[in-house]
C-alpha atoms as a PDB file:
ATOM      1  CA  MET A   1     112.419 145.562  70.191  1.00  0.00           C
ATOM      2  CA  ASP A   2     108.832 144.847  70.050  1.00  0.00           C
ATOM      3  CA  SER A   3     106.840 144.480  67.092  1.00  0.00           C
ATOM      4  CA  ALA A   4     102.836 143.920  65.944  1.00  0.00           C
ATOM      5  CA  PHE A   5     101.254 143.063  63.013  1.00  0.00           C
ATOM      6  CA  ASP A   6      97.408 144.281  60.950  1.00  0.00           C
ATOM      7  CA  VAL A   7      95.618 143.606  58.595  1.00  0.00           C
ATOM      8  CA  TYR A   8      93.609 146.053  57.108  1.00  0.00           C
ATOM      9  CA  ALA A   9      91.780 146.224  54.429  1.00  0.00           C
ATOM     10  CA  GLY A  10      93.644 144.259  52.779  1.00  0.00           C
ATOM     11  CA  TYR A  11      97.139 145.489  53.652  1.00  0.00           C
ATOM     12  CA  GLN A  12      99.765 143.886  55.905  1.00  0.00           C
ATOM     13  CA  ILE A  13     101.149 146.760  58.275  1.00  0.00           C
ATOM     14  CA  SER A  14     104.520 145.515  60.114  1.00  0.00           C
ATOM     15  CA  VAL A  15     105.238 147.788  63.150  1.00  0.00           C
ATOM     16  CA  ALA A  16     108.413 147.133  65.017  1.00  0.00           C
ATOM     17  CA  THR A  17     110.151 149.274  67.654  1.00  0.00           C
ATOM     18  CA  ARG A  18     112.637 151.099  68.671  1.00  0.00           C
ATOM     19  CA  ARG A  19     114.623 153.512  71.100  1.00  0.00           C
ATOM     20  CA  ASN A  20     116.284 156.507  69.382  1.00  0.00           C
ATOM     21  CA  GLU A  21     119.214 159.037  70.488  1.00  0.00           C
ATOM     22  CA  ARG A  22     117.147 160.442  73.408  1.00  0.00           C
ATOM     23  CA  GLY A  23     115.812 156.910  74.518  1.00  0.00           C
ATOM     24  CA  ALA A  24     112.032 157.438  73.465  1.00  0.00           C
ATOM     25  CA  TRP A  25     110.105 154.921  71.782  1.00  0.00           C
ATOM     26  CA  VAL A  26     109.321 155.435  68.103  1.00  0.00           C
ATOM     27  CA  ALA A  27     107.621 152.910  65.718  1.00  0.00           C
ATOM     28  CA  ASP A  28     109.289 151.586  62.063  1.00  0.00           C
ATOM     29  CA  LEU A  29     106.446 150.870  59.437  1.00  0.00           C
ATOM     30  CA  ASP A  30     106.318 148.663  56.449  1.00  0.00           C
ATOM     31  CA  VAL A  31     103.467 148.524  54.830  1.00  0.00           C
ATOM     32  CA  GLN A  32     102.545 146.103  52.395  1.00  0.00           C
ATOM     33  CA  ARG A  33      99.400 144.526  49.708  1.00  0.00           C
ATOM     34  CA  ASP A  34     100.920 141.065  47.470  1.00  0.00           C
ATOM     35  CA  GLY A  35     104.462 141.697  48.831  1.00  0.00           C
ATOM     36  CA  LYS A  36     104.733 145.095  47.113  1.00  0.00           C
ATOM     37  CA  SER A  37     104.577 148.382  48.898  1.00  0.00           C
ATOM     38  CA  PRO A  38     101.583 149.808  47.226  1.00  0.00           C
ATOM     39  CA  PHE A  39     101.997 153.643  47.565  1.00  0.00           C
ATOM     40  CA  ALA A  40     104.713 156.069  48.270  1.00  0.00           C
ATOM     41  CA  TRP A  41     104.741 156.462  52.115  1.00  0.00           C
ATOM     42  CA  PRO A  42     104.999 159.372  53.674  1.00  0.00           C
ATOM     43  CA  GLU A  43     108.171 161.135  55.039  1.00  0.00           C
ATOM     44  CA  THR A  44     106.926 162.452  58.413  1.00  0.00           C
ATOM     45  CA  VAL A  45     108.105 163.434  62.026  1.00  0.00           C
ATOM     46  CA  GLN A  46     108.786 160.847  64.280  1.00  0.00           C
ATOM     47  CA  PRO A  47     106.436 160.830  67.207  1.00  0.00           C
ATOM     48  CA  GLU A  48     108.524 159.740  70.483  1.00  0.00           C
ATOM     49  CA  TRP A  49     106.675 157.761  73.084  1.00  0.00           C
ATOM     50  CA  SER A  50     107.547 156.818  76.414  1.00  0.00           C
ATOM     51  CA  THR A  51     106.773 153.175  76.230  1.00  0.00           C
ATOM     52  CA  ALA A  52     107.185 150.079  73.303  1.00  0.00           C
ATOM     53  CA  ASN A  53     103.305 149.916  73.484  1.00  0.00           C
ATOM     54  CA  GLU A  54     102.518 153.151  73.031  1.00  0.00           C
ATOM     55  CA  ALA A  55     104.748 153.295  69.434  1.00  0.00           C
ATOM     56  CA  LEU A  56     103.144 150.224  68.703  1.00  0.00           C
ATOM     57  CA  ARG A  57      99.806 151.200  68.467  1.00  0.00           C
ATOM     58  CA  ASP A  58     100.738 154.788  67.528  1.00  0.00           C
ATOM     59  CA  GLY A  59     102.121 152.599  64.153  1.00  0.00           C
ATOM     60  CA  ILE A  60      99.141 150.756  63.823  1.00  0.00           C
ATOM     61  CA  GLU A  61      96.936 153.794  63.643  1.00  0.00           C
ATOM     62  CA  ARG A  62      99.465 155.738  61.857  1.00  0.00           C
ATOM     63  CA  ALA A  63      99.295 153.255  59.065  1.00  0.00           C
ATOM     64  CA  ARG A  64      95.202 152.887  58.922  1.00  0.00           C
ATOM     65  CA  ARG A  65      95.006 156.362  58.534  1.00  0.00           C
ATOM     66  CA  VAL A  66      97.303 156.522  55.587  1.00  0.00           C
ATOM     67  CA  ILE A  67      95.697 153.710  54.021  1.00  0.00           C
ATOM     68  CA  ALA A  68      92.150 155.021  54.524  1.00  0.00           C
ATOM     69  CA  GLN A  69      93.176 158.164  52.915  1.00  0.00           C
ATOM     70  CA  HIS A  70      94.332 155.786  49.966  1.00  0.00           C
ATOM     71  CA  LEU A  71      91.356 154.220  49.799  1.00  0.00           C
ATOM     72  CA  THR A  72      88.833 157.308  50.036  1.00  0.00           C
ATOM     73  CA  PRO A  73      88.537 159.588  46.984  1.00  0.00           C
ATOM     74  CA  ALA A  74      90.380 162.759  47.514  1.00  0.00           C
ATOM     75  CA  ASP A  75      87.032 164.792  47.491  1.00  0.00           C
ATOM     76  CA  ASN A  76      86.266 163.444  50.588  1.00  0.00           C
ATOM     77  CA  HIS A  77      89.276 164.659  52.713  1.00  0.00           C
ATOM     78  CA  SER A  78      87.334 168.142  53.609  1.00  0.00           C
ATOM     79  CA  TRP A  79      87.021 169.266  57.199  1.00  0.00           C
ATOM     80  CA  VAL A  80      83.775 171.240  56.429  1.00  0.00           C
ATOM     81  CA  ALA A  81      81.832 168.506  54.815  1.00  0.00           C
ATOM     82  CA  THR A  82      83.155 166.195  58.207  1.00  0.00           C
ATOM     83  CA  ARG A  83      82.277 168.912  60.360  1.00  0.00           C
ATOM     84  CA  GLN A  84      78.573 169.606  58.748  1.00  0.00           C
ATOM     85  CA  HIS A  85      78.303 165.299  58.416  1.00  0.00           C
ATOM     86  CA  ALA A  86      78.619 165.570  62.231  1.00  0.00           C
ATOM     87  CA  GLN A  87      76.287 168.390  63.088  1.00  0.00           C
ATOM     88  CA  THR A  88      73.725 166.765  61.167  1.00  0.00           C
ATOM     89  CA  TRP A  89      74.314 162.977  62.756  1.00  0.00           C
ATOM     90  CA  PHE A  90      74.598 164.796  66.289  1.00  0.00           C
ATOM     91  CA  SER A  91      71.350 167.149  65.937  1.00  0.00           C
ATOM     92  CA  ALA A  92      69.646 163.900  64.471  1.00  0.00           C
ATOM     93  CA  GLU A  93      71.096 161.879  67.489  1.00  0.00           C
ATOM     94  CA  ALA A  94      70.398 164.477  70.017  1.00  0.00           C
ATOM     95  CA  GLU A  95      66.677 164.958  68.339  1.00  0.00           C
ATOM     96  CA  ARG A  96      65.708 161.367  68.629  1.00  0.00           C
ATOM     97  CA  LEU A  97      67.085 161.099  72.224  1.00  0.00           C
ATOM     98  CA  SER A  98      65.448 163.723  73.736  1.00  0.00           C
ATOM     99  CA  GLY A  99      62.303 164.516  71.890  1.00  0.00           C
ATOM    100  CA  ASN A 100      63.691 167.850  71.216  1.00  0.00           C
ATOM    101  CA  VAL A 101      64.785 169.849  67.607  1.00  0.00           C
ATOM    102  CA  PHE A 102      68.004 171.303  67.534  1.00  0.00           C
ATOM    103  CA  THR A 103      68.563 173.813  64.908  1.00  0.00           C
ATOM    104  CA  HIS A 104      72.310 174.787  64.158  1.00  0.00           C
ATOM    105  CA  THR A 105      72.450 178.829  63.533  1.00  0.00           C
ATOM    106  CA  LYS A 106      75.286 180.529  62.171  1.00  0.00           C
END
């Protein structure tokens, strides 16, 4: 069993890997802040990985994603707003790099 520890935004993330009944690697997560579980952890289907390192990496990434969702106001989770922000950034960056002006048409 491999394990990893990470700190993200003041939360302590502990990940341990184990093999499930099919022989695949899965990550068991423990997230705490000040020695307590800060929020109800979402019950999800465990992704399966072919190596312990992949399971560790997934566990850390999953924990960071859930923590970030709890830190960000709910109204900022709109994929439409996120896509619009990305489009605006891309257009500005493309214009800056090439000198051309790009417009987004619907």
